[in-house]
Amino acid sequence: MSQQDRLVIFDTTMRDGEQSPGASMTKDEKIRIGKALEKMRVDVIEAGFAAASPGDFEAIQAVAANVRESTICSLARAVDRDLEHAAAALKQAERARIHTFIATSPIHMQYKLRMEPDQVIEQAVYAVKKARGFVEDVEFSCEDAGRSEDDFLCRIIEAAINAGASTINIPDTVGYAIPEEFGYKIKTLLERIPNSDKAIFSVHCHNDLGLAVANSLAAVANGARQVECTINGLGERAGNASLEELVMATRTRHDLFNIETGIDTTHIVPTSRLVSSITGFPVQPNKAIVGANAFAHESGIHQDGVLKHRETYEIMKAEDVGWGANKMVMGKHSGRAAFRSRLEELGVTFDTDAALNEAFARFKDLADKKHEIFDEDLQALVSEAKAAAVEDRYKLVSLESHSATGETPVSEVVVSRNGEEFKNKSDGSGPVDASFKAIEAVAQSGANLLLYSVNAITEGTDSQGEVTVRLEKGGRIVNGNGADTDIVIASAKAYIHALNLLEGDAERQHPQADGV
């Protein structure tokens, strides 16, 4: 397949997606997402920003060591420290890419960089050449290209290609572009830059006006051959272009785009659910492709049409994107070997037998409460087991809750703090509110509750409820997750998880302060 017939899918869920407030991922969680993306056959996985923190550096290293089929990428500003960190983090990658960038819009150059245009070009060329000294695959991004002048973009891109960049990214950093305008910009750059045929042109669109996918598709229609996107459209502010929407749009409208991706679309829904579970960001029911209602028909006319001929109202097959893939995998009689085998199929491994045994014990407890256990249940169980394996300050020992019509709900909790147990009893407007107040009376964190969200992991009244609790303290935002067939217990677990995250000291430099 020629370069013009192939669309490269560049996933930045673990870098730009992680910049959603509270969406930080641990090293183990990034490995799980990386393996899911590898199984989906994503071309390039941007695993993080190596210079942002030691934690990000280690996570990129781990993904590079565990994911072998996809190219692993690290973001880096056009400075020595960032480039050196990126190269070191990517040493174990089978295929490595350094993604370096510098701002190119007049407002960014003047007020943020405080550099003259010629200095910016000089710095870009220096960064690309230095990156090429580490890896063969170098991507160069013009930050805020959507608001950059075409003449200057032509100059800096031509210089970057001559310096060795094989991919040129044109990001709409602030989500300002309109499809017709953005498509024309890509076409103009491809036509005006003398050496444009020596690089793949890419786009990275933000969704501030709800146009990230539309802008990306307009760019593809005008010659872009890489799109940067995230699972579920996760990302800074209003998010990024959604991988699932871009892939299925180009596949469904092949008559217009006449290009192919290498994506195995049957893994889209399972990967969407994994990312949602790990980040605590639920997918709204009406979300295209992966939302619960994406293939649901309530209108009688629609139902009648679909029954007679599916294509009357469905432009895609649900099974093509992975719906129906959540088959029951195990039950209470399943053994440890079957449990390990199924988790390995899901891309989950444990470092020690003790960690596996802990997860298996949780599985058995769940099997006693829930007759049918699905892949989504296993993913939630693994998240909980791996979180519990970390030495946390707070642990939920027990919870007793009482709620009755006409009476004030009361919860009594026993919480372990640094190994010492504390009991507290509180009332509230509901059992969850009472439980949170009881836990907070022990923790005395002073954190503000920003979000409380409950979602059923699977169907049925015996489904596990997955709870997300978002806490804020001193400008730091974290998402705590908890799952249980009892919603009140799941809520308490999520609150405890969020408290432990607040106690963590893994402060990160915020990449989007200087990012695409």
Protein backbone atom coordinates (compact mmCIF):
# COMPACT_ATOMS: atom_id res chain seq x y z
CA MET A 1 0.00 0.00 0.00
CA SER A 2 1.43 3.40 -0.98
CA GLN A 3 1.83 6.27 1.47
CA GLN A 4 -1.09 8.07 -0.17
CA ASP A 5 -3.41 5.09 0.33
CA ARG A 6 -2.57 4.60 4.02
CA LEU A 7 -3.71 6.70 6.99
CA VAL A 8 -1.39 6.48 10.00
CA ILE A 9 -3.24 6.37 13.33
CA PHE A 10 -1.31 8.13 16.09
CA ASP A 11 -2.85 7.63 19.54
CA THR A 12 -2.10 10.15 22.26
CA THR A 13 -4.50 8.89 24.94
CA MET A 14 -1.60 8.36 27.34
CA ARG A 15 -0.11 11.80 26.74
CA ASP A 16 -2.68 14.41 25.72
CA GLY A 17 -5.57 12.30 27.04
CA GLU A 18 -3.89 12.10 30.43
CA GLN A 19 -3.97 15.89 30.64
CA SER A 20 -7.70 15.87 31.35
CA PRO A 21 -7.91 17.05 34.98
CA GLY A 22 -7.85 13.94 37.18
CA ALA A 23 -7.08 11.49 34.38
CA SER A 24 -3.51 10.64 35.40
CA MET A 25 -2.54 7.02 34.76
CA THR A 26 -0.10 4.82 36.62
CA LYS A 27 2.70 2.91 34.93
CA ASP A 28 0.75 -0.36 35.10
CA GLU A 29 -2.36 1.32 33.70
CA LYS A 30 -0.37 2.72 30.78
CA ILE A 31 0.98 -0.76 30.04
CA ARG A 32 -2.58 -2.13 29.97
CA ILE A 33 -3.76 0.63 27.63
CA GLY A 34 -0.65 0.24 25.48
CA LYS A 35 -1.29 -3.49 25.05
CA ALA A 36 -4.92 -2.80 24.12
CA LEU A 37 -3.82 -0.24 21.51
CA GLU A 38 -1.24 -2.71 20.20
CA LYS A 39 -3.95 -5.36 19.85
CA MET A 40 -6.02 -2.79 17.94
CA ARG A 41 -2.98 -2.32 15.67
CA VAL A 42 -2.50 1.39 16.32
CA ASP A 43 0.52 2.60 14.33
CA VAL A 44 2.06 5.07 16.80
CA ILE A 45 1.44 5.27 20.56
CA GLU A 46 2.48 8.48 22.29
CA ALA A 47 3.11 7.09 25.77
CA GLY A 48 3.82 10.37 27.55
CA PHE A 49 6.11 13.34 27.98
CA ALA A 50 9.38 11.93 29.34
CA ALA A 51 10.67 15.20 30.80
CA ALA A 52 7.42 15.99 32.63
CA SER A 53 8.21 13.83 35.67
CA PRO A 54 10.09 10.71 36.77
CA GLY A 55 6.75 8.88 36.75
CA ASP A 56 6.11 9.78 33.11
CA PHE A 57 9.66 8.76 32.19
CA GLU A 58 9.24 5.35 33.86
CA ALA A 59 5.82 4.82 32.26
CA ILE A 60 7.23 5.44 28.76
CA GLN A 61 10.09 3.04 29.52
CA ALA A 62 7.61 0.38 30.64
CA VAL A 63 5.37 0.79 27.59
CA ALA A 64 8.40 0.67 25.30
CA ALA A 65 9.53 -2.58 26.94
CA ASN A 66 6.11 -4.26 26.80
CA VAL A 67 4.59 -3.09 23.50
CA ARG A 68 6.53 -4.37 20.50
CA GLU A 69 4.26 -4.06 17.45
CA SER A 70 3.49 -0.31 17.56
CA THR A 71 5.92 2.59 17.35
CA ILE A 72 6.35 4.14 20.82
CA CYS A 73 6.66 7.91 20.98
CA SER A 74 7.58 10.52 23.58
CA LEU A 75 6.80 14.21 23.38
CA ALA A 76 9.69 16.67 23.84
CA ARG A 77 10.01 20.41 23.68
CA ALA A 78 12.75 21.72 21.39
CA VAL A 79 15.31 21.82 24.23
CA ASP A 80 18.22 19.56 25.13
CA ARG A 81 16.81 18.24 28.41
CA ASP A 82 13.51 17.12 26.90
CA LEU A 83 15.13 15.48 23.89
CA GLU A 84 17.65 13.60 26.02
CA HIS A 85 14.96 12.38 28.41
CA ALA A 86 12.79 11.20 25.50
CA ALA A 87 15.68 9.28 23.94
CA ALA A 88 16.57 7.60 27.23
CA ALA A 89 12.97 6.60 27.95
CA LEU A 90 12.62 5.05 24.48
CA LYS A 91 15.81 2.96 24.52
CA GLN A 92 14.00 -0.36 24.85
CA ALA A 93 11.43 0.36 22.13
CA GLU A 94 11.37 -1.91 19.09
CA ARG A 95 10.44 1.19 17.08
CA ALA A 96 10.93 4.63 18.64
CA ARG A 97 9.80 8.12 17.69
CA ILE A 98 10.68 11.46 19.25
CA HIS A 99 7.96 14.08 18.80
CA THR A 100 9.45 17.54 19.23
CA PHE A 101 7.64 20.85 18.90
CA ILE A 102 7.87 24.61 19.14
CA ALA A 103 5.24 27.34 18.96
CA THR A 104 4.82 29.07 15.59
CA SER A 105 1.90 31.49 15.99
CA PRO A 106 2.70 35.21 16.39
CA ILE A 107 0.98 35.37 19.80
CA HIS A 108 2.92 32.36 21.14
CA MET A 109 6.27 33.48 19.73
CA GLN A 110 5.89 36.99 21.11
CA TYR A 111 4.36 36.39 24.53
CA LYS A 112 5.36 32.83 25.48
CA LEU A 113 8.66 32.09 23.75
CA ARG A 114 9.76 35.74 23.48
CA MET A 115 11.72 34.79 20.39
CA GLU A 116 11.99 36.26 16.92
CA PRO A 117 10.74 34.08 14.00
CA ASP A 118 14.28 33.38 12.76
CA GLN A 119 15.29 32.23 16.25
CA VAL A 120 12.30 29.86 16.35
CA ILE A 121 13.33 28.29 13.02
CA GLU A 122 16.90 27.94 14.24
CA GLN A 123 15.72 26.22 17.44
CA ALA A 124 13.40 23.88 15.51
CA VAL A 125 16.20 22.79 13.17
CA TYR A 126 18.53 22.23 16.13
CA ALA A 127 15.92 20.08 17.91
CA VAL A 128 15.13 17.94 14.87
CA LYS A 129 18.82 17.32 14.17
CA LYS A 130 19.49 16.42 17.80
CA ALA A 131 16.47 14.06 17.86
CA ARG A 132 17.72 12.41 14.65
CA GLY A 133 20.96 11.71 16.46
CA PHE A 134 18.96 9.46 18.81
CA VAL A 135 16.29 7.91 16.55
CA GLU A 136 15.52 7.71 12.85
CA ASP A 137 11.82 8.53 13.27
CA VAL A 138 11.34 12.19 14.21
CA GLU A 139 8.10 14.14 14.20
CA PHE A 140 8.04 17.93 14.29
CA SER A 141 4.98 19.91 15.40
CA CYS A 142 4.19 23.57 14.84
CA GLU A 143 2.37 24.38 18.07
CA ASP A 144 -0.72 26.55 17.48
CA ALA A 145 -0.39 26.06 13.72
CA GLY A 146 -4.10 26.81 13.37
CA ARG A 147 -3.35 30.44 14.22
CA SER A 148 0.06 30.58 12.52
CA GLU A 149 0.81 32.47 9.31
CA ASP A 150 1.12 30.25 6.25
CA ASP A 151 4.28 31.97 5.02
CA PHE A 152 6.09 31.28 8.29
CA LEU A 153 4.78 27.71 8.44
CA CYS A 154 6.19 27.08 4.97
CA ARG A 155 9.61 28.34 6.04
CA ILE A 156 9.88 26.40 9.30
CA ILE A 157 8.43 23.16 7.90
CA GLU A 158 10.77 23.17 4.91
CA ALA A 159 13.71 23.65 7.29
CA ALA A 160 12.48 20.90 9.64
CA ILE A 161 12.14 18.40 6.78
CA ASN A 162 15.62 19.27 5.54
CA ALA A 163 16.88 18.70 9.09
CA GLY A 164 15.47 15.17 9.12
CA ALA A 165 11.83 15.27 10.27
CA SER A 166 9.84 12.53 8.53
CA THR A 167 6.46 13.54 9.97
CA ILE A 168 5.17 17.12 10.14
CA ASN A 169 2.28 17.79 12.48
CA ILE A 170 -0.11 20.72 12.03
CA PRO A 171 -2.01 20.99 15.34
CA ASP A 172 -5.11 23.06 15.97
CA THR A 173 -3.91 23.52 19.53
CA VAL A 174 -6.79 25.65 20.80
CA GLY A 175 -9.60 24.12 18.72
CA TYR A 176 -10.10 27.34 16.75
CA ALA A 177 -10.26 26.01 13.19
CA ILE A 178 -13.28 25.43 10.95
CA PRO A 179 -13.16 22.38 8.59
CA GLU A 180 -13.09 24.21 5.24
CA GLU A 181 -10.45 26.62 6.51
CA PHE A 182 -8.31 23.88 8.07
CA GLY A 183 -8.50 21.62 5.03
CA TYR A 184 -7.41 24.51 2.82
CA LYS A 185 -4.44 25.19 5.12
CA ILE A 186 -3.21 21.61 4.75
CA LYS A 187 -3.65 21.73 0.98
CA THR A 188 -1.80 25.06 0.80
CA LEU A 189 1.16 23.81 2.83
CA LEU A 190 1.48 20.63 0.77
CA GLU A 191 1.45 22.62 -2.46
CA ARG A 192 3.76 25.45 -1.37
CA ILE A 193 6.47 23.60 0.56
CA PRO A 194 9.08 22.35 -1.97
CA ASN A 195 10.05 19.19 -0.02
CA SER A 196 6.58 18.31 1.32
CA ASP A 197 6.73 14.99 -0.53
CA LYS A 198 9.55 13.89 1.78
CA ALA A 199 7.36 13.83 4.93
CA ILE A 200 3.99 12.61 6.08
CA PHE A 201 1.73 15.50 7.07
CA SER A 202 -0.22 15.00 10.27
CA VAL A 203 -2.96 16.83 12.17
CA HIS A 204 -3.77 17.07 15.87
CA CYS A 205 -7.12 18.75 16.46
CA HIS A 206 -8.70 19.86 19.72
CA ASN A 207 -12.44 19.87 20.27
CA ASP A 208 -13.13 23.29 21.80
CA LEU A 209 -15.78 24.04 19.15
CA GLY A 210 -16.82 20.41 18.78
CA LEU A 211 -15.06 20.19 15.40
CA ALA A 212 -11.95 18.10 16.11
CA VAL A 213 -13.08 15.08 14.06
CA ALA A 214 -14.52 17.25 11.29
CA ASN A 215 -11.30 19.28 11.06
CA SER A 216 -9.19 16.11 11.00
CA LEU A 217 -11.30 14.58 8.22
CA ALA A 218 -11.09 17.83 6.21
CA ALA A 219 -7.31 17.64 6.55
CA VAL A 220 -7.27 13.99 5.41
CA ALA A 221 -9.41 14.91 2.39
CA ASN A 222 -6.75 17.50 1.52
CA GLY A 223 -3.69 15.26 1.84
CA ALA A 224 -2.90 14.72 5.53
CA ARG A 225 -1.89 11.09 6.06
CA GLN A 226 -1.59 10.90 9.84
CA VAL A 227 -4.24 11.81 12.41
CA GLU A 228 -3.49 12.26 16.10
CA CYS A 229 -6.38 11.19 18.26
CA THR A 230 -7.44 9.62 21.55
CA ILE A 231 -9.76 6.88 22.74
CA ASN A 232 -13.17 8.37 23.61
CA GLY A 233 -11.90 11.80 22.53
CA LEU A 234 -10.18 12.16 25.92
CA GLY A 235 -7.93 15.16 26.35
CA GLU A 236 -7.17 18.69 27.50
CA ARG A 237 -10.20 21.00 27.92
CA ALA A 238 -12.96 19.71 25.58
CA GLY A 239 -10.75 16.85 24.40
CA ASN A 240 -9.16 15.65 21.18
CA ALA A 241 -10.35 14.10 17.96
CA SER A 242 -11.87 10.71 18.77
CA LEU A 243 -9.96 7.70 17.40
CA GLU A 244 -13.07 5.57 17.02
CA GLU A 245 -14.95 8.26 15.09
CA LEU A 246 -12.05 9.00 12.74
CA VAL A 247 -11.36 5.35 11.98
CA MET A 248 -15.01 4.45 11.38
CA ALA A 249 -15.67 7.60 9.35
CA THR A 250 -12.86 6.82 6.90
CA ARG A 251 -13.89 3.17 6.78
CA THR A 252 -17.63 3.78 6.37
CA ARG A 253 -17.09 6.56 3.78
CA HIS A 254 -14.31 4.82 1.89
CA ASP A 255 -16.01 6.08 -1.26
CA LEU A 256 -14.95 9.63 -0.33
CA PHE A 257 -11.60 9.12 1.38
CA ASN A 258 -10.26 6.11 -0.54
CA ILE A 259 -7.71 5.34 2.18
CA GLU A 260 -7.14 2.47 4.60
CA THR A 261 -6.04 2.23 8.21
CA GLY A 262 -4.46 -0.83 9.77
CA ILE A 263 -6.86 -0.73 12.73
CA ASP A 264 -8.60 -3.90 13.90
CA THR A 265 -11.92 -2.23 14.65
CA THR A 266 -13.30 -5.15 16.68
CA HIS A 267 -11.13 -3.95 19.59
CA ILE A 268 -12.58 -0.42 19.64
CA VAL A 269 -15.36 -0.95 22.21
CA PRO A 270 -13.27 -3.06 24.64
CA THR A 271 -10.47 -0.48 24.52
CA SER A 272 -12.95 2.36 25.03
CA ARG A 273 -14.29 0.64 28.13
CA LEU A 274 -10.77 -0.02 29.45
CA VAL A 275 -9.78 3.65 29.11
CA SER A 276 -13.04 4.75 30.71
CA SER A 277 -12.49 2.35 33.62
CA ILE A 278 -8.90 3.43 34.21
CA THR A 279 -9.45 7.18 33.93
CA GLY A 280 -12.86 7.29 35.58
CA PHE A 281 -14.24 9.28 32.66
CA PRO A 282 -17.55 7.64 31.65
CA VAL A 283 -18.67 7.52 28.02
CA GLN A 284 -21.96 9.34 27.48
CA PRO A 285 -24.72 7.06 26.12
CA ASN A 286 -25.14 9.05 22.88
CA LYS A 287 -21.40 9.03 22.07
CA ALA A 288 -20.81 7.93 18.47
CA ILE A 289 -19.49 4.37 17.98
CA VAL A 290 -18.85 3.50 21.64
CA GLY A 291 -21.83 5.01 23.48
CA ALA A 292 -24.42 2.61 24.94
CA ASN A 293 -27.09 3.99 22.58
CA ALA A 294 -24.90 4.10 19.44
CA PHE A 295 -26.68 1.08 17.93
CA ALA A 296 -29.94 1.23 19.90
CA HIS A 297 -33.28 1.89 18.16
CA GLU A 298 -36.36 2.92 20.13
CA SER A 299 -38.49 4.40 17.36
CA GLY A 300 -40.96 1.83 16.04
CA ILE A 301 -40.31 2.91 12.46
CA HIS A 302 -36.55 2.48 12.97
CA GLN A 303 -36.95 -0.90 14.65
CA ASP A 304 -39.19 -2.13 11.85
CA GLY A 305 -36.72 -0.95 9.21
CA VAL A 306 -33.71 -2.54 10.90
CA LEU A 307 -35.53 -5.85 11.30
CA LYS A 308 -36.39 -5.87 7.60
CA HIS A 309 -32.98 -4.71 6.40
CA ARG A 310 -30.23 -3.54 8.77
CA GLU A 311 -28.84 -0.89 6.47
CA THR A 312 -32.09 1.08 6.46
CA TYR A 313 -30.96 2.76 9.69
CA GLU A 314 -27.50 1.35 10.51
CA ILE A 315 -24.46 2.45 8.52
CA MET A 316 -22.11 0.16 10.48
CA LYS A 317 -22.35 -3.26 12.08
CA ALA A 318 -22.21 -3.17 15.86
CA GLU A 319 -20.03 -6.28 15.94
CA ASP A 320 -17.48 -4.61 13.62
CA VAL A 321 -16.50 -2.19 16.40
CA GLY A 322 -16.56 -4.76 19.19
CA TRP A 323 -20.10 -4.63 20.54
CA GLY A 324 -21.10 -8.04 21.83
CA ALA A 325 -17.48 -8.84 22.64
CA ASN A 326 -18.15 -8.78 26.40
CA LYS A 327 -18.89 -12.50 26.47
CA MET A 328 -19.16 -14.24 29.82
CA VAL A 329 -15.69 -15.58 30.42
CA MET A 330 -15.85 -17.22 33.82
CA GLY A 331 -17.86 -17.99 36.93
CA LYS A 332 -17.39 -19.19 40.48
CA HIS A 333 -16.08 -22.62 39.40
CA SER A 334 -13.30 -21.22 37.21
CA GLY A 335 -9.77 -21.97 38.32
CA ARG A 336 -6.64 -19.91 38.73
CA ALA A 337 -5.14 -21.10 35.42
CA ALA A 338 -8.24 -20.08 33.46
CA PHE A 339 -8.27 -16.75 35.30
CA ARG A 340 -4.61 -16.06 34.43
CA SER A 341 -5.12 -17.15 30.81
CA ARG A 342 -8.11 -14.85 30.25
CA LEU A 343 -6.30 -11.88 31.79
CA GLU A 344 -3.32 -12.50 29.52
CA GLU A 345 -5.70 -12.39 26.54
CA LEU A 346 -6.83 -8.99 27.85
CA GLY A 347 -3.20 -7.84 28.04
CA VAL A 348 -2.97 -8.06 31.84
CA THR A 349 -0.02 -9.70 33.60
CA PHE A 350 1.17 -9.73 37.22
CA ASP A 351 4.74 -9.29 38.40
CA THR A 352 4.41 -11.86 41.19
CA ASP A 353 2.33 -14.90 42.10
CA ALA A 354 1.24 -13.04 45.22
CA ALA A 355 -0.30 -10.26 43.11
CA LEU A 356 -2.06 -12.84 40.93
CA ASN A 357 -3.39 -14.64 44.00
CA GLU A 358 -4.70 -11.37 45.43
CA ALA A 359 -6.58 -10.65 42.19
CA PHE A 360 -7.87 -14.23 42.04
CA ALA A 361 -9.20 -13.96 45.60
CA ARG A 362 -11.08 -10.80 44.59
CA PHE A 363 -12.43 -12.65 41.56
CA LYS A 364 -13.77 -15.45 43.77
CA ASP A 365 -15.42 -12.92 46.09
CA LEU A 366 -17.07 -11.27 43.09
CA ALA A 367 -18.17 -14.65 41.69
CA ASP A 368 -20.05 -15.31 44.93
CA LYS A 369 -22.05 -12.10 44.42
CA LYS A 370 -22.40 -12.09 40.63
CA HIS A 371 -23.30 -15.16 38.59
CA GLU A 372 -21.93 -14.03 35.22
CA ILE A 373 -18.54 -12.35 35.03
CA PHE A 374 -17.61 -10.40 31.90
CA ASP A 375 -14.36 -8.95 30.56
CA GLU A 376 -15.35 -5.51 31.86
CA ASP A 377 -15.72 -6.98 35.36
CA LEU A 378 -12.24 -8.45 35.12
CA GLN A 379 -10.72 -5.14 34.02
CA ALA A 380 -12.35 -3.34 36.95
CA LEU A 381 -11.21 -6.09 39.31
CA VAL A 382 -7.61 -5.82 38.08
CA SER A 383 -7.65 -2.04 38.51
CA GLU A 384 -8.81 -2.48 42.09
CA ALA A 385 -6.29 -5.24 42.84
CA LYS A 386 -3.34 -3.24 41.46
CA ALA A 387 -4.43 -0.13 43.36
CA ALA A 388 -4.64 -2.17 46.57
CA ALA A 389 -1.13 -3.54 46.00
CA VAL A 390 0.30 -0.06 46.57
CA GLU A 391 1.04 1.00 50.14
CA ASP A 392 -1.82 3.44 50.74
CA ARG A 393 -2.36 5.65 53.74
CA TYR A 394 -6.09 4.97 53.92
CA LYS A 395 -7.92 1.64 53.61
CA LEU A 396 -11.60 0.84 54.00
CA VAL A 397 -11.92 -1.88 56.64
CA SER A 398 -15.72 -2.06 56.92
CA LEU A 399 -18.87 -0.10 56.20
CA GLU A 400 -22.38 -0.43 57.58
CA SER A 401 -25.11 1.73 56.10
CA HIS A 402 -28.76 2.15 57.01
CA SER A 403 -31.40 3.88 54.90
CA ALA A 404 -35.19 3.75 55.30
CA THR A 405 -38.18 5.78 54.14
CA GLY A 406 -38.80 8.68 56.49
CA GLU A 407 -35.53 8.24 58.36
CA THR A 408 -32.18 10.00 58.06
CA PRO A 409 -29.61 7.70 56.43
CA VAL A 410 -26.67 6.72 58.65
CA SER A 411 -23.32 5.13 57.82
CA GLU A 412 -20.69 3.73 60.13
CA VAL A 413 -17.21 3.15 58.72
CA VAL A 414 -13.97 1.68 59.99
CA VAL A 415 -11.04 3.22 58.13
CA SER A 416 -7.38 2.28 58.55
CA ARG A 417 -5.04 5.27 58.51
CA ASN A 418 -1.35 4.39 58.45
CA GLY A 419 -2.23 0.97 59.88
CA GLU A 420 -4.31 2.32 62.76
CA GLU A 421 -8.08 1.75 62.66
CA PHE A 422 -10.61 4.52 63.30
CA LYS A 423 -14.38 4.18 63.57
CA ASN A 424 -16.83 6.97 62.74
CA LYS A 425 -20.56 7.28 62.34
CA SER A 426 -22.30 10.05 60.36
CA ASP A 427 -25.67 10.84 58.91
CA GLY A 428 -26.36 12.44 55.55
CA SER A 429 -28.90 13.17 52.85
CA GLY A 430 -28.36 9.62 51.55
CA PRO A 431 -26.22 6.58 52.38
CA VAL A 432 -23.42 7.71 50.07
CA ASP A 433 -23.37 11.22 51.53
CA ALA A 434 -23.34 9.75 55.05
CA SER A 435 -20.46 7.39 54.13
CA PHE A 436 -18.39 10.19 52.64
CA LYS A 437 -18.91 12.36 55.74
CA ALA A 438 -17.88 9.48 58.00
CA ILE A 439 -14.71 8.83 55.98
CA GLU A 440 -13.87 12.53 55.81
CA ALA A 441 -14.24 12.82 59.58
CA VAL A 442 -11.38 10.33 59.86
CA ALA A 443 -9.25 11.70 57.02
CA GLN A 444 -9.91 15.41 57.59
CA SER A 445 -8.48 16.05 54.14
CA GLY A 446 -10.31 19.32 53.51
CA ALA A 447 -10.74 18.30 49.87
CA ASN A 448 -13.62 19.53 47.72
CA LEU A 449 -15.86 16.98 45.99
CA LEU A 450 -16.09 18.04 42.32
CA LEU A 451 -17.75 15.00 40.79
CA TYR A 452 -19.63 11.89 41.84
CA SER A 453 -20.56 9.51 39.03
CA VAL A 454 -22.01 5.97 38.97
CA ASN A 455 -22.09 3.66 35.95
CA ALA A 456 -23.08 0.04 35.56
CA ILE A 457 -20.13 -1.98 34.25
CA THR A 458 -22.36 -4.57 32.57
CA GLU A 459 -26.08 -5.23 32.19
CA GLY A 460 -28.40 -6.66 34.85
CA THR A 461 -29.34 -5.77 38.41
CA ASP A 462 -26.37 -7.78 39.71
CA SER A 463 -23.95 -5.65 37.70
CA GLN A 464 -21.03 -4.05 39.46
CA GLY A 465 -21.43 -0.34 39.89
CA GLU A 466 -18.33 1.62 38.93
CA VAL A 467 -18.04 4.89 40.85
CA THR A 468 -15.83 7.87 40.07
CA VAL A 469 -15.09 10.45 42.76
CA ARG A 470 -13.22 13.60 41.76
CA LEU A 471 -11.56 15.54 44.58
CA GLU A 472 -9.71 18.84 44.51
CA LYS A 473 -7.30 20.23 47.05
CA GLY A 474 -4.93 23.13 46.61
CA GLY A 475 -5.43 23.14 42.85
CA ARG A 476 -4.62 19.44 42.51
CA ILE A 477 -7.40 17.30 41.01
CA VAL A 478 -7.62 13.50 41.24
CA ASN A 479 -10.12 10.87 40.19
CA GLY A 480 -10.75 7.95 42.55
CA ASN A 481 -12.40 4.78 41.25
CA GLY A 482 -14.22 1.97 43.01
CA ALA A 483 -16.32 -0.99 41.88
CA ASP A 484 -18.66 -3.29 43.74
CA THR A 485 -22.08 -4.88 43.37
CA ASP A 486 -23.05 -2.66 46.34
CA ILE A 487 -23.10 0.98 45.17
CA VAL A 488 -22.49 2.41 48.65
CA ILE A 489 -19.38 0.26 49.11
CA ALA A 490 -18.18 1.11 45.60
CA SER A 491 -18.62 4.80 46.47
CA ALA A 492 -16.63 4.47 49.68
CA LYS A 493 -13.84 2.64 47.83
CA ALA A 494 -13.72 5.43 45.23
CA TYR A 495 -13.51 8.13 47.93
CA ILE A 496 -10.72 6.26 49.72
CA HIS A 497 -8.86 5.80 46.41
CA ALA A 498 -9.11 9.54 45.70
CA LEU A 499 -7.79 10.38 49.19
CA ASN A 500 -4.79 8.13 48.62
CA LEU A 501 -4.09 9.79 45.28
CA LEU A 502 -4.18 13.19 46.96
CA GLU A 503 -1.65 11.92 49.49
CA GLY A 504 0.68 10.79 46.68
CA ASP A 505 3.68 12.97 45.94
CA ALA A 506 3.91 12.28 42.20
CA GLU A 507 3.63 15.93 41.24
CA ARG A 508 4.02 16.49 37.50
CA GLN A 509 5.04 19.46 35.46
CA HIS A 510 1.93 20.13 33.38
CA PRO A 511 2.88 19.25 29.78
CA GLN A 512 0.16 21.35 28.16
CA ALA A 513 1.81 24.48 29.49
CA ASP A 514 4.02 23.85 26.48
CA GLY A 515 2.35 21.28 24.24
CA VAL A 516 0.47 20.58 21.05
